[in-house]
PDB file of all heavy atoms in Angstrom:
ATOM      1  N   MET A   1      90.010 123.872 101.185  1.00  0.00           N
ATOM      2  CA  MET A   1      90.693 124.416 100.009  1.00  0.00           C
ATOM      3  C   MET A   1      92.217 124.402 100.143  1.00  0.00           C
ATOM      4  O   MET A   1      92.912 125.076  99.391  1.00  0.00           O
ATOM      5  CB  MET A   1      90.223 125.868  99.745  1.00  0.00           C
ATOM      6  CG  MET A   1      88.719 126.020  99.596  1.00  0.00           C
ATOM      7  SD  MET A   1      88.023 125.000  98.258  1.00  0.00           S
ATOM      8  CE  MET A   1      88.646 125.903  96.845  1.00  0.00           C
ATOM      9  N   GLU A   2      92.734 123.652 101.089  1.00  0.00           N
ATOM     10  CA  GLU A   2      94.178 123.539 101.267  1.00  0.00           C
ATOM     11  C   GLU A   2      94.581 122.071 101.279  1.00  0.00           C
ATOM     12  O   GLU A   2      93.825 121.217 101.726  1.00  0.00           O
ATOM     13  CB  GLU A   2      94.622 124.183 102.587  1.00  0.00           C
ATOM     14  CG  GLU A   2      94.410 125.680 102.670  1.00  0.00           C
ATOM     15  CD  GLU A   2      94.909 126.246 103.990  1.00  0.00           C
ATOM     16  OE1 GLU A   2      95.467 125.466 104.791  1.00  0.00           O
ATOM     17  OE2 GLU A   2      94.726 127.453 104.226  1.00  0.00           O
ATOM     18  N   GLN A   3      95.791 121.791 100.781  1.00  0.00           N
ATOM     19  CA  GLN A   3      96.320 120.443 100.868  1.00  0.00           C
ATOM     20  C   GLN A   3      97.081 120.276 102.177  1.00  0.00           C
ATOM     21  O   GLN A   3      97.879 121.132 102.533  1.00  0.00           O
ATOM     22  CB  GLN A   3      97.239 120.126  99.678  1.00  0.00           C
ATOM     23  CG  GLN A   3      96.492 119.807  98.411  1.00  0.00           C
ATOM     24  CD  GLN A   3      97.388 119.163  97.364  1.00  0.00           C
ATOM     25  OE1 GLN A   3      98.420 118.588  97.684  1.00  0.00           O
ATOM     26  NE2 GLN A   3      96.978 119.265  96.104  1.00  0.00           N
ATOM     27  N   LYS A   4      96.825 119.161 102.846  1.00  0.00           N
ATOM     28  CA  LYS A   4      97.513 118.871 104.097  1.00  0.00           C
ATOM     29  C   LYS A   4      98.049 117.451 104.051  1.00  0.00           C
ATOM     30  O   LYS A   4      97.513 116.594 103.345  1.00  0.00           O
ATOM     31  CB  LYS A   4      96.563 119.041 105.287  1.00  0.00           C
ATOM     32  CG  LYS A   4      96.074 120.478 105.468  1.00  0.00           C
ATOM     33  CD  LYS A   4      95.257 120.632 106.733  1.00  0.00           C
ATOM     34  CE  LYS A   4      94.807 122.080 106.923  1.00  0.00           C
ATOM     35  NZ  LYS A   4      94.025 122.268 108.175  1.00  0.00           N
ATOM     36  N   GLU A   5      99.121 117.217 104.799  1.00  0.00           N
ATOM     37  CA  GLU A   5      99.737 115.896 104.844  1.00  0.00           C
ATOM     38  C   GLU A   5      99.818 115.399 106.284  1.00  0.00           C
ATOM     39  O   GLU A   5     100.123 116.170 107.193  1.00  0.00           O
ATOM     40  CB  GLU A   5     101.139 115.926 104.234  1.00  0.00           C
ATOM     41  CG  GLU A   5     101.156 116.263 102.751  1.00  0.00           C
ATOM     42  CD  GLU A   5     102.528 116.037 102.123  1.00  0.00           C
ATOM     43  OE1 GLU A   5     103.471 115.639 102.855  1.00  0.00           O
ATOM     44  OE2 GLU A   5     102.658 116.249 100.896  1.00  0.00           O
ATOM     45  N   TYR A   6      99.544 114.110 106.454  1.00  0.00           N
ATOM     46  CA  TYR A   6      99.654 113.456 107.748  1.00  0.00           C
ATOM     47  C   TYR A   6     100.455 112.166 107.554  1.00  0.00           C
ATOM     48  O   TYR A   6     100.140 111.370 106.665  1.00  0.00           O
ATOM     49  CB  TYR A   6      98.272 113.104 108.306  1.00  0.00           C
ATOM     50  CG  TYR A   6      97.339 114.267 108.474  1.00  0.00           C
ATOM     51  CD1 TYR A   6      96.483 114.646 107.442  1.00  0.00           C
ATOM     52  CD2 TYR A   6      97.298 114.994 109.657  1.00  0.00           C
ATOM     53  CE1 TYR A   6      95.612 115.716 107.586  1.00  0.00           C
ATOM     54  CE2 TYR A   6      96.434 116.065 109.813  1.00  0.00           C
ATOM     55  CZ  TYR A   6      95.595 116.420 108.780  1.00  0.00           C
ATOM     56  OH  TYR A   6      94.733 117.491 108.920  1.00  0.00           O
ATOM     57  N   SER A   7     101.482 111.967 108.353  1.00  0.00           N
ATOM     58  CA  SER A   7     102.290 110.756 108.234  1.00  0.00           C
ATOM     59  C   SER A   7     102.051 109.837 109.426  1.00  0.00           C
ATOM     60  O   SER A   7     101.749 110.290 110.536  1.00  0.00           O
ATOM     61  CB  SER A   7     103.773 111.112 108.132  1.00  0.00           C
ATOM     62  OG  SER A   7     104.224 111.755 109.311  1.00  0.00           O
ATOM     63  N   PHE A   8     102.189 108.550 109.187  1.00  0.00           N
ATOM     64  CA  PHE A   8     102.018 107.553 110.243  1.00  0.00           C
ATOM     65  C   PHE A   8     102.797 106.300 109.852  1.00  0.00           C
ATOM     66  O   PHE A   8     103.069 106.049 108.665  1.00  0.00           O
ATOM     67  CB  PHE A   8     100.539 107.229 110.465  1.00  0.00           C
ATOM     68  CG  PHE A   8      99.791 106.829 109.216  1.00  0.00           C
ATOM     69  CD1 PHE A   8      99.585 105.494 108.918  1.00  0.00           C
ATOM     70  CD2 PHE A   8      99.303 107.796 108.340  1.00  0.00           C
ATOM     71  CE1 PHE A   8      98.901 105.115 107.779  1.00  0.00           C
ATOM     72  CE2 PHE A   8      98.621 107.424 107.187  1.00  0.00           C
ATOM     73  CZ  PHE A   8      98.414 106.084 106.909  1.00  0.00           C
ATOM     74  N   TYR A   9     103.168 105.526 110.862  1.00  0.00           N
ATOM     75  CA  TYR A   9     103.927 104.308 110.606  1.00  0.00           C
ATOM     76  C   TYR A   9     103.011 103.225 110.042  1.00  0.00           C
ATOM     77  O   TYR A   9     102.036 102.818 110.673  1.00  0.00           O
ATOM     78  CB  TYR A   9     104.593 103.812 111.893  1.00  0.00           C
ATOM     79  CG  TYR A   9     105.805 104.627 112.287  1.00  0.00           C
ATOM     80  CD1 TYR A   9     105.720 105.583 113.292  1.00  0.00           C
ATOM     81  CD2 TYR A   9     107.025 104.450 111.632  1.00  0.00           C
ATOM     82  CE1 TYR A   9     106.835 106.348 113.659  1.00  0.00           C
ATOM     83  CE2 TYR A   9     108.144 105.210 111.978  1.00  0.00           C
ATOM     84  CZ  TYR A   9     108.039 106.146 112.990  1.00  0.00           C
ATOM     85  OH  TYR A   9     109.138 106.900 113.325  1.00  0.00           O
ATOM     86  N   ALA A  10     103.326 102.772 108.844  1.00  0.00           N
ATOM     87  CA  ALA A  10     102.565 101.714 108.188  1.00  0.00           C
ATOM     88  C   ALA A  10     103.255 101.366 106.877  1.00  0.00           C
ATOM     89  O   ALA A  10     104.218 102.026 106.468  1.00  0.00           O
ATOM     90  CB  ALA A  10     101.132 102.155 107.922  1.00  0.00           C
ATOM     91  N   LYS A  11     102.745 100.326 106.230  1.00  0.00           N
ATOM     92  CA  LYS A  11     103.194  99.964 104.894  1.00  0.00           C
ATOM     93  C   LYS A  11     102.073 100.286 103.911  1.00  0.00           C
ATOM     94  O   LYS A  11     100.892 100.098 104.212  1.00  0.00           O
ATOM     95  CB  LYS A  11     103.548  98.481 104.816  1.00  0.00           C
ATOM     96  CG  LYS A  11     104.736  98.080 105.685  1.00  0.00           C
ATOM     97  CD  LYS A  11     105.024  96.592 105.556  1.00  0.00           C
ATOM     98  CE  LYS A  11     106.224  96.199 106.405  1.00  0.00           C
ATOM     99  NZ  LYS A  11     106.505  94.734 106.310  1.00  0.00           N
ATOM    100  N   LEU A  12     102.448 100.745 102.731  1.00  0.00           N
ATOM    101  CA  LEU A  12     101.435 101.112 101.744  1.00  0.00           C
ATOM    102  C   LEU A  12     100.601  99.899 101.335  1.00  0.00           C
ATOM    103  O   LEU A  12      99.403 100.036 101.048  1.00  0.00           O
ATOM    104  CB  LEU A  12     102.096 101.746 100.513  1.00  0.00           C
ATOM    105  CG  LEU A  12     101.171 102.526  99.574  1.00  0.00           C
ATOM    106  CD1 LEU A  12     100.487 103.671 100.316  1.00  0.00           C
ATOM    107  CD2 LEU A  12     101.950 103.070  98.376  1.00  0.00           C
ATOM    108  N   ASP A  13     101.208  98.718 101.341  1.00  0.00           N
ATOM    109  CA  ASP A  13     100.452  97.496 101.038  1.00  0.00           C
ATOM    110  C   ASP A  13      99.318  97.286 102.041  1.00  0.00           C
ATOM    111  O   ASP A  13      98.217  96.858 101.675  1.00  0.00           O
ATOM    112  CB  ASP A  13     101.371  96.280 101.063  1.00  0.00           C
ATOM    113  CG  ASP A  13     102.333  96.239  99.887  1.00  0.00           C
ATOM    114  OD1 ASP A  13     102.109  96.997  98.925  1.00  0.00           O
ATOM    115  OD2 ASP A  13     103.304  95.468  99.939  1.00  0.00           O
ATOM    116  N   GLU A  14      99.577  97.604 103.311  1.00  0.00           N
ATOM    117  CA  GLU A  14      98.565  97.449 104.349  1.00  0.00           C
ATOM    118  C   GLU A  14      97.411  98.427 104.138  1.00  0.00           C
ATOM    119  O   GLU A  14      96.242  98.073 104.310  1.00  0.00           O
ATOM    120  CB  GLU A  14      99.185  97.674 105.725  1.00  0.00           C
ATOM    121  CG  GLU A  14     100.254  96.651 106.092  1.00  0.00           C
ATOM    122  CD  GLU A  14     101.016  97.017 107.351  1.00  0.00           C
ATOM    123  OE1 GLU A  14     100.916  98.190 107.802  1.00  0.00           O
ATOM    124  OE2 GLU A  14     101.722  96.144 107.880  1.00  0.00           O
ATOM    125  N   VAL A  15      97.755  99.671 103.772  1.00  0.00           N
ATOM    126  CA  VAL A  15      96.723 100.678 103.518  1.00  0.00           C
ATOM    127  C   VAL A  15      95.864 100.251 102.328  1.00  0.00           C
ATOM    128  O   VAL A  15      94.637 100.365 102.355  1.00  0.00           O
ATOM    129  CB  VAL A  15      97.361 102.057 103.255  1.00  0.00           C
ATOM    130  CG1 VAL A  15      96.281 103.081 102.907  1.00  0.00           C
ATOM    131  CG2 VAL A  15      98.162 102.520 104.465  1.00  0.00           C
ATOM    132  N   GLU A  16      96.515  99.731 101.303  1.00  0.00           N
ATOM    133  CA  GLU A  16      95.784  99.273 100.114  1.00  0.00           C
ATOM    134  C   GLU A  16      94.799  98.164 100.484  1.00  0.00           C
ATOM    135  O   GLU A  16      93.652  98.156 100.009  1.00  0.00           O
ATOM    136  CB  GLU A  16      96.770  98.780  99.059  1.00  0.00           C
ATOM    137  CG  GLU A  16      96.108  98.353  97.760  1.00  0.00           C
ATOM    138  CD  GLU A  16      97.104  97.876  96.728  1.00  0.00           C
ATOM    139  OE1 GLU A  16      98.276  97.635  97.094  1.00  0.00           O
ATOM    140  OE2 GLU A  16      96.706  97.730  95.558  1.00  0.00           O
ATOM    141  N   GLN A  17      95.206  97.247 101.329  1.00  0.00           N
ATOM    142  CA  GLN A  17      94.319  96.173 101.756  1.00  0.00           C
ATOM    143  C   GLN A  17      93.142  96.700 102.564  1.00  0.00           C
ATOM    144  O   GLN A  17      92.005  96.246 102.416  1.00  0.00           O
ATOM    145  CB  GLN A  17      95.103  95.145 102.572  1.00  0.00           C
ATOM    146  CG  GLN A  17      96.087  94.326 101.747  1.00  0.00           C
ATOM    147  CD  GLN A  17      96.870  93.344 102.597  1.00  0.00           C
ATOM    148  OE1 GLN A  17      96.837  93.393 103.826  1.00  0.00           O
ATOM    149  NE2 GLN A  17      97.582  92.432 101.955  1.00  0.00           N
ATOM    150  N   GLN A  18      93.419  97.672 103.438  1.00  0.00           N
ATOM    151  CA  GLN A  18      92.358  98.248 104.267  1.00  0.00           C
ATOM    152  C   GLN A  18      91.285  98.926 103.415  1.00  0.00           C
ATOM    153  O   GLN A  18      90.099  98.886 103.741  1.00  0.00           O
ATOM    154  CB  GLN A  18      92.953  99.272 105.236  1.00  0.00           C
ATOM    155  CG  GLN A  18      93.838  98.668 106.309  1.00  0.00           C
ATOM    156  CD  GLN A  18      94.589  99.744 107.073  1.00  0.00           C
ATOM    157  OE1 GLN A  18      94.354 100.938 106.896  1.00  0.00           O
ATOM    158  NE2 GLN A  18      95.513  99.332 107.924  1.00  0.00           N
ATOM    159  N   LEU A  19      91.712  99.556 102.328  1.00  0.00           N
ATOM    160  CA  LEU A  19      90.789 100.328 101.496  1.00  0.00           C
ATOM    161  C   LEU A  19      90.176  99.489 100.383  1.00  0.00           C
ATOM    162  O   LEU A  19      89.440 100.018  99.550  1.00  0.00           O
ATOM    163  CB  LEU A  19      91.511 101.543 100.914  1.00  0.00           C
ATOM    164  CG  LEU A  19      91.932 102.578 101.960  1.00  0.00           C
ATOM    165  CD1 LEU A  19      92.780 103.671 101.335  1.00  0.00           C
ATOM    166  CD2 LEU A  19      90.717 103.177 102.641  1.00  0.00           C
ATOM    167  N   SER A  20      90.502  98.207 100.362  1.00  0.00           N
ATOM    168  CA  SER A  20      89.924  97.281  99.392  1.00  0.00           C
ATOM    169  C   SER A  20      90.072  97.835  97.975  1.00  0.00           C
ATOM    170  O   SER A  20      91.168  98.142  97.545  1.00  0.00           O
ATOM    171  CB  SER A  20      88.455  97.034  99.759  1.00  0.00           C
ATOM    172  OG  SER A  20      87.867  96.086  98.921  1.00  0.00           O
ATOM    173  N   HIS A  21      88.941  97.981  97.259  1.00  0.00           N
ATOM    174  CA  HIS A  21      89.009  98.438  95.865  1.00  0.00           C
ATOM    175  C   HIS A  21      88.636  99.913  95.720  1.00  0.00           C
ATOM    176  O   HIS A  21      88.383 100.378  94.603  1.00  0.00           O
ATOM    177  CB  HIS A  21      88.076  97.588  94.999  1.00  0.00           C
ATOM    178  CG  HIS A  21      88.429  96.130  95.010  1.00  0.00           C
ATOM    179  ND1 HIS A  21      89.596  95.654  94.467  1.00  0.00           N
ATOM    180  CD2 HIS A  21      87.781  95.060  95.522  1.00  0.00           C
ATOM    181  CE1 HIS A  21      89.648  94.337  94.621  1.00  0.00           C
ATOM    182  NE2 HIS A  21      88.562  93.949  95.268  1.00  0.00           N
ATOM    183  N   LYS A  22      88.615 100.649  96.820  1.00  0.00           N
ATOM    184  CA  LYS A  22      88.214 102.055  96.742  1.00  0.00           C
ATOM    185  C   LYS A  22      89.316 102.945  96.197  1.00  0.00           C
ATOM    186  O   LYS A  22      89.045 104.007  95.621  1.00  0.00           O
ATOM    187  CB  LYS A  22      87.783 102.542  98.125  1.00  0.00           C
ATOM    188  CG  LYS A  22      86.526 101.850  98.654  1.00  0.00           C
ATOM    189  CD  LYS A  22      86.144 102.373 100.021  1.00  0.00           C
ATOM    190  CE  LYS A  22      84.885 101.672 100.529  1.00  0.00           C
ATOM    191  NZ  LYS A  22      84.509 102.143 101.881  1.00  0.00           N
ATOM    192  N   PHE A  23      90.590 102.553  96.417  1.00  0.00           N
ATOM    193  CA  PHE A  23      91.723 103.334  95.924  1.00  0.00           C
ATOM    194  C   PHE A  23      92.497 102.497  94.905  1.00  0.00           C
ATOM    195  O   PHE A  23      92.360 101.280  94.854  1.00  0.00           O
ATOM    196  CB  PHE A  23      92.628 103.750  97.083  1.00  0.00           C
ATOM    197  CG  PHE A  23      92.154 104.984  97.792  1.00  0.00           C
ATOM    198  CD1 PHE A  23      90.873 105.056  98.327  1.00  0.00           C
ATOM    199  CD2 PHE A  23      92.986 106.094  97.925  1.00  0.00           C
ATOM    200  CE1 PHE A  23      90.430 106.197  98.982  1.00  0.00           C
ATOM    201  CE2 PHE A  23      92.556 107.239  98.583  1.00  0.00           C
ATOM    202  CZ  PHE A  23      91.275 107.290  99.101  1.00  0.00           C
ATOM    203  N   VAL A  24      93.299 103.175  94.077  1.00  0.00           N
ATOM    204  CA  VAL A  24      94.004 102.510  92.986  1.00  0.00           C
ATOM    205  C   VAL A  24      95.511 102.641  93.178  1.00  0.00           C
ATOM    206  O   VAL A  24      96.030 103.749  93.361  1.00  0.00           O
ATOM    207  CB  VAL A  24      93.601 103.115  91.621  1.00  0.00           C
ATOM    208  CG1 VAL A  24      94.388 102.457  90.484  1.00  0.00           C
ATOM    209  CG2 VAL A  24      92.096 102.964  91.394  1.00  0.00           C
ATOM    210  N   ARG A  25      96.199 101.500  93.103  1.00  0.00           N
ATOM    211  CA  ARG A  25      97.662 101.489  93.187  1.00  0.00           C
ATOM    212  C   ARG A  25      98.220 101.807  91.800  1.00  0.00           C
ATOM    213  O   ARG A  25      97.978 101.072  90.835  1.00  0.00           O
ATOM    214  CB  ARG A  25      98.143 100.124  93.661  1.00  0.00           C
ATOM    215  CG  ARG A  25      99.629 100.035  94.013  1.00  0.00           C
ATOM    216  CD  ARG A  25      99.916 100.804  95.298  1.00  0.00           C
ATOM    217  NE  ARG A  25     101.281 100.581  95.772  1.00  0.00           N
ATOM    218  CZ  ARG A  25     101.600  99.678  96.705  1.00  0.00           C
ATOM    219  NH1 ARG A  25     100.646  98.922  97.256  1.00  0.00           N
ATOM    220  NH2 ARG A  25     102.840  99.528  97.097  1.00  0.00           N
ATOM    221  N   ILE A  26      98.957 102.909  91.674  1.00  0.00           N
ATOM    222  CA  ILE A  26      99.507 103.290  90.376  1.00  0.00           C
ATOM    223  C   ILE A  26     101.021 103.116  90.316  1.00  0.00           C
ATOM    224  O   ILE A  26     101.618 103.206  89.249  1.00  0.00           O
ATOM    225  CB  ILE A  26      99.153 104.757  90.022  1.00  0.00           C
ATOM    226  CG1 ILE A  26      99.796 105.721  91.026  1.00  0.00           C
ATOM    227  CG2 ILE A  26      97.637 104.958  89.955  1.00  0.00           C
ATOM    228  CD1 ILE A  26      99.727 107.184  90.615  1.00  0.00           C
ATOM    229  N   HIS A  27     101.625 102.875  91.480  1.00  0.00           N
ATOM    230  CA  HIS A  27     103.086 102.813  91.565  1.00  0.00           C
ATOM    231  C   HIS A  27     103.426 102.142  92.895  1.00  0.00           C
ATOM    232  O   HIS A  27     102.590 102.098  93.805  1.00  0.00           O
ATOM    233  CB  HIS A  27     103.659 104.231  91.507  1.00  0.00           C
ATOM    234  CG  HIS A  27     105.135 104.334  91.373  1.00  0.00           C
ATOM    235  ND1 HIS A  27     105.987 104.244  92.448  1.00  0.00           N
ATOM    236  CD2 HIS A  27     105.930 104.537  90.269  1.00  0.00           C
ATOM    237  CE1 HIS A  27     107.230 104.385  92.031  1.00  0.00           C
ATOM    238  NE2 HIS A  27     107.229 104.557  90.718  1.00  0.00           N
ATOM    239  N   GLN A  28     104.638 101.634  92.994  1.00  0.00           N
ATOM    240  CA  GLN A  28     105.065 101.039  94.260  1.00  0.00           C
ATOM    241  C   GLN A  28     104.915 102.012  95.417  1.00  0.00           C
ATOM    242  O   GLN A  28     104.637 101.607  96.544  1.00  0.00           O
ATOM    243  CB  GLN A  28     106.521 100.585  94.147  1.00  0.00           C
ATOM    244  CG  GLN A  28     107.046  99.881  95.407  1.00  0.00           C
ATOM    245  CD  GLN A  28     108.480  99.429  95.242  1.00  0.00           C
ATOM    246  OE1 GLN A  28     109.081  99.617  94.189  1.00  0.00           O
ATOM    247  NE2 GLN A  28     109.045  98.840  96.293  1.00  0.00           N
ATOM    248  N   ARG A  29     105.039 103.314  95.130  1.00  0.00           N
ATOM    249  CA  ARG A  29     104.998 104.326  96.188  1.00  0.00           C
ATOM    250  C   ARG A  29     103.667 105.055  96.302  1.00  0.00           C
ATOM    251  O   ARG A  29     103.470 105.800  97.261  1.00  0.00           O
ATOM    252  CB  ARG A  29     106.102 105.372  95.964  1.00  0.00           C
ATOM    253  CG  ARG A  29     107.526 104.893  96.158  1.00  0.00           C
ATOM    254  CD  ARG A  29     108.465 106.090  96.199  1.00  0.00           C
ATOM    255  NE  ARG A  29     108.156 106.977  97.321  1.00  0.00           N
ATOM    256  CZ  ARG A  29     108.379 108.301  97.292  1.00  0.00           C
ATOM    257  NH1 ARG A  29     108.861 108.891  96.214  1.00  0.00           N
ATOM    258  NH2 ARG A  29     108.087 109.039  98.358  1.00  0.00           N
TER     259      ARG A  29
END
């Protein structure tokens, strides 16, 4: 029931590729 944030070195394009079509890109960020 709480929001948490975790940061790591990567590019958002790489994360998008890893997750295939499971997540949606809505903005460059």
